[in-house]
């Protein structure tokens, strides 16, 4: 139960922007990783100094997405809950 000195709070949950960013980066990371593994020809790899750029960029994006999710889970956003109109205590001056 919340007291006067401790306001009620809740977690942002699915509305945390870090999870939305992680989803977007993760989707692009999966696409690039799949393209790097299955659809990159040897000619394209030679053009990029013998580095499979799609694969490495995809893996890097997946790592960044995982770090965003980890960050959101370890340090969740806490949103204060505003009291409803009937829940406000009466003050002495009213």
C-alpha atoms as a PDB file:
ATOM      1  CA  UNK A   1       0.000   0.000   0.000  1.00  0.00           C
ATOM      2  CA  UNK A   2       1.363   3.454  -0.902  1.00  0.00           C
ATOM      3  CA  UNK A   3       1.836   6.030   1.833  1.00  0.00           C
ATOM      4  CA  UNK A   4       2.134   9.814   1.681  1.00  0.00           C
ATOM      5  CA  UNK A   5       5.954   9.680   1.559  1.00  0.00           C
ATOM      6  CA  UNK A   6       6.074   6.891  -1.028  1.00  0.00           C
ATOM      7  CA  UNK A   7       4.067   7.565  -4.215  1.00  0.00           C
ATOM      8  CA  UNK A   8       2.600   4.682  -6.193  1.00  0.00           C
ATOM      9  CA  UNK A   9       4.607   3.649  -9.246  1.00  0.00           C
ATOM     10  CA  UNK A  10       4.559   1.056 -12.010  1.00  0.00           C
ATOM     11  CA  UNK A  11       6.937  -0.080 -14.761  1.00  0.00           C
ATOM     12  CA  UNK A  12       6.665   1.285 -18.303  1.00  0.00           C
ATOM     13  CA  UNK A  13       6.599  -2.285 -19.684  1.00  0.00           C
ATOM     14  CA  UNK A  14       5.996  -2.584 -23.426  1.00  0.00           C
ATOM     15  CA  UNK A  15       5.912   1.194 -23.805  1.00  0.00           C
ATOM     16  CA  UNK A  16       9.604   1.486 -22.935  1.00  0.00           C
ATOM     17  CA  UNK A  17      11.263   3.046 -25.991  1.00  0.00           C
ATOM     18  CA  UNK A  18      14.363   0.900 -25.465  1.00  0.00           C
ATOM     19  CA  UNK A  19      12.351  -2.235 -26.262  1.00  0.00           C
ATOM     20  CA  UNK A  20      10.938  -0.688 -29.429  1.00  0.00           C
ATOM     21  CA  UNK A  21      14.440   0.311 -30.563  1.00  0.00           C
ATOM     22  CA  UNK A  22      15.730  -3.185 -29.724  1.00  0.00           C
ATOM     23  CA  UNK A  23      12.938  -4.722 -31.811  1.00  0.00           C
ATOM     24  CA  UNK A  24      13.746  -2.569 -34.841  1.00  0.00           C
ATOM     25  CA  UNK A  25      17.505  -3.120 -34.615  1.00  0.00           C
ATOM     26  CA  UNK A  26      16.930  -6.835 -34.002  1.00  0.00           C
ATOM     27  CA  UNK A  27      14.730  -7.247 -37.084  1.00  0.00           C
ATOM     28  CA  UNK A  28      17.301  -5.522 -39.285  1.00  0.00           C
ATOM     29  CA  UNK A  29      20.039  -7.589 -37.642  1.00  0.00           C
ATOM     30  CA  UNK A  30      18.249 -10.854 -38.433  1.00  0.00           C
ATOM     31  CA  UNK A  31      17.701  -9.788 -42.045  1.00  0.00           C
ATOM     32  CA  UNK A  32      21.353  -8.815 -42.516  1.00  0.00           C
ATOM     33  CA  UNK A  33      22.606 -11.974 -40.827  1.00  0.00           C
ATOM     34  CA  UNK A  34      20.443 -14.185 -43.046  1.00  0.00           C
ATOM     35  CA  UNK A  35      21.557 -12.250 -46.124  1.00  0.00           C
ATOM     36  CA  UNK A  36      25.191 -12.576 -45.056  1.00  0.00           C
ATOM     37  CA  UNK A  37      24.968 -16.315 -44.431  1.00  0.00           C
ATOM     38  CA  UNK A  38      22.913 -17.425 -47.398  1.00  0.00           C
ATOM     39  CA  UNK A  39      22.819 -14.844 -50.159  1.00  0.00           C
ATOM     40  CA  UNK A  40      26.238 -13.165 -50.349  1.00  0.00           C
ATOM     41  CA  UNK A  41      28.355 -14.242 -53.294  1.00  0.00           C
ATOM     42  CA  UNK A  42      32.136 -14.525 -53.344  1.00  0.00           C
ATOM     43  CA  UNK A  43      32.257 -11.642 -55.817  1.00  0.00           C
ATOM     44  CA  UNK A  44      30.434  -9.350 -53.384  1.00  0.00           C
ATOM     45  CA  UNK A  45      32.765 -10.386 -50.563  1.00  0.00           C
ATOM     46  CA  UNK A  46      35.837  -9.591 -52.700  1.00  0.00           C
ATOM     47  CA  UNK A  47      34.428  -6.106 -53.387  1.00  0.00           C
ATOM     48  CA  UNK A  48      34.395  -5.439 -49.654  1.00  0.00           C
ATOM     49  CA  UNK A  49      38.034  -6.385 -48.927  1.00  0.00           C
ATOM     50  CA  UNK A  50      37.175 -10.054 -48.286  1.00  0.00           C
ATOM     51  CA  UNK A  51      34.834  -9.210 -45.407  1.00  0.00           C
ATOM     52  CA  UNK A  52      31.236 -10.401 -45.324  1.00  0.00           C
ATOM     53  CA  UNK A  53      29.838  -7.016 -44.315  1.00  0.00           C
ATOM     54  CA  UNK A  54      26.205  -8.164 -44.187  1.00  0.00           C
ATOM     55  CA  UNK A  55      27.061 -10.943 -41.773  1.00  0.00           C
ATOM     56  CA  UNK A  56      29.185  -8.820 -39.440  1.00  0.00           C
ATOM     57  CA  UNK A  57      26.780  -5.881 -39.486  1.00  0.00           C
ATOM     58  CA  UNK A  58      23.876  -8.242 -38.730  1.00  0.00           C
ATOM     59  CA  UNK A  59      25.701  -9.887 -35.838  1.00  0.00           C
ATOM     60  CA  UNK A  60      26.657  -6.463 -34.485  1.00  0.00           C
ATOM     61  CA  UNK A  61      23.059  -5.271 -34.674  1.00  0.00           C
ATOM     62  CA  UNK A  62      21.843  -8.398 -32.868  1.00  0.00           C
ATOM     63  CA  UNK A  63      24.365  -7.754 -30.086  1.00  0.00           C
ATOM     64  CA  UNK A  64      23.211  -4.126 -29.775  1.00  0.00           C
ATOM     65  CA  UNK A  65      19.561  -5.238 -29.677  1.00  0.00           C
ATOM     66  CA  UNK A  66      20.378  -7.746 -26.931  1.00  0.00           C
ATOM     67  CA  UNK A  67      22.148  -5.011 -24.944  1.00  0.00           C
ATOM     68  CA  UNK A  68      19.077  -2.756 -25.244  1.00  0.00           C
ATOM     69  CA  UNK A  69      16.815  -5.547 -23.961  1.00  0.00           C
ATOM     70  CA  UNK A  70      19.231  -6.302 -21.117  1.00  0.00           C
ATOM     71  CA  UNK A  71      19.368  -2.608 -20.210  1.00  0.00           C
ATOM     72  CA  UNK A  72      15.566  -2.368 -20.181  1.00  0.00           C
ATOM     73  CA  UNK A  73      15.235  -5.477 -17.989  1.00  0.00           C
ATOM     74  CA  UNK A  74      17.965  -4.556 -15.503  1.00  0.00           C
ATOM     75  CA  UNK A  75      16.950  -0.894 -15.127  1.00  0.00           C
ATOM     76  CA  UNK A  76      13.233  -0.605 -15.904  1.00  0.00           C
ATOM     77  CA  UNK A  77      11.614   2.803 -16.203  1.00  0.00           C
ATOM     78  CA  UNK A  78       9.421   3.589 -13.221  1.00  0.00           C
ATOM     79  CA  UNK A  79       6.420   5.755 -13.980  1.00  0.00           C
ATOM     80  CA  UNK A  80       4.671   7.523 -11.084  1.00  0.00           C
ATOM     81  CA  UNK A  81       0.935   6.950 -10.901  1.00  0.00           C
ATOM     82  CA  UNK A  82      -1.066  10.124 -10.471  1.00  0.00           C
ATOM     83  CA  UNK A  83      -3.865   9.773  -7.935  1.00  0.00           C
ATOM     84  CA  UNK A  84      -7.376   9.883  -9.310  1.00  0.00           C
ATOM     85  CA  UNK A  85      -9.624  12.786  -8.398  1.00  0.00           C
ATOM     86  CA  UNK A  86     -11.362  10.838  -5.612  1.00  0.00           C
ATOM     87  CA  UNK A  87      -8.087   9.592  -4.127  1.00  0.00           C
ATOM     88  CA  UNK A  88      -6.591  12.988  -3.248  1.00  0.00           C
ATOM     89  CA  UNK A  89      -6.555  13.719   0.477  1.00  0.00           C
ATOM     90  CA  UNK A  90      -8.206  16.924   1.649  1.00  0.00           C
ATOM     91  CA  UNK A  91      -5.760  19.654   2.695  1.00  0.00           C
ATOM     92  CA  UNK A  92      -6.206  21.970   5.671  1.00  0.00           C
ATOM     93  CA  UNK A  93      -6.567  25.150   3.589  1.00  0.00           C
ATOM     94  CA  UNK A  94      -9.601  24.038   1.568  1.00  0.00           C
END
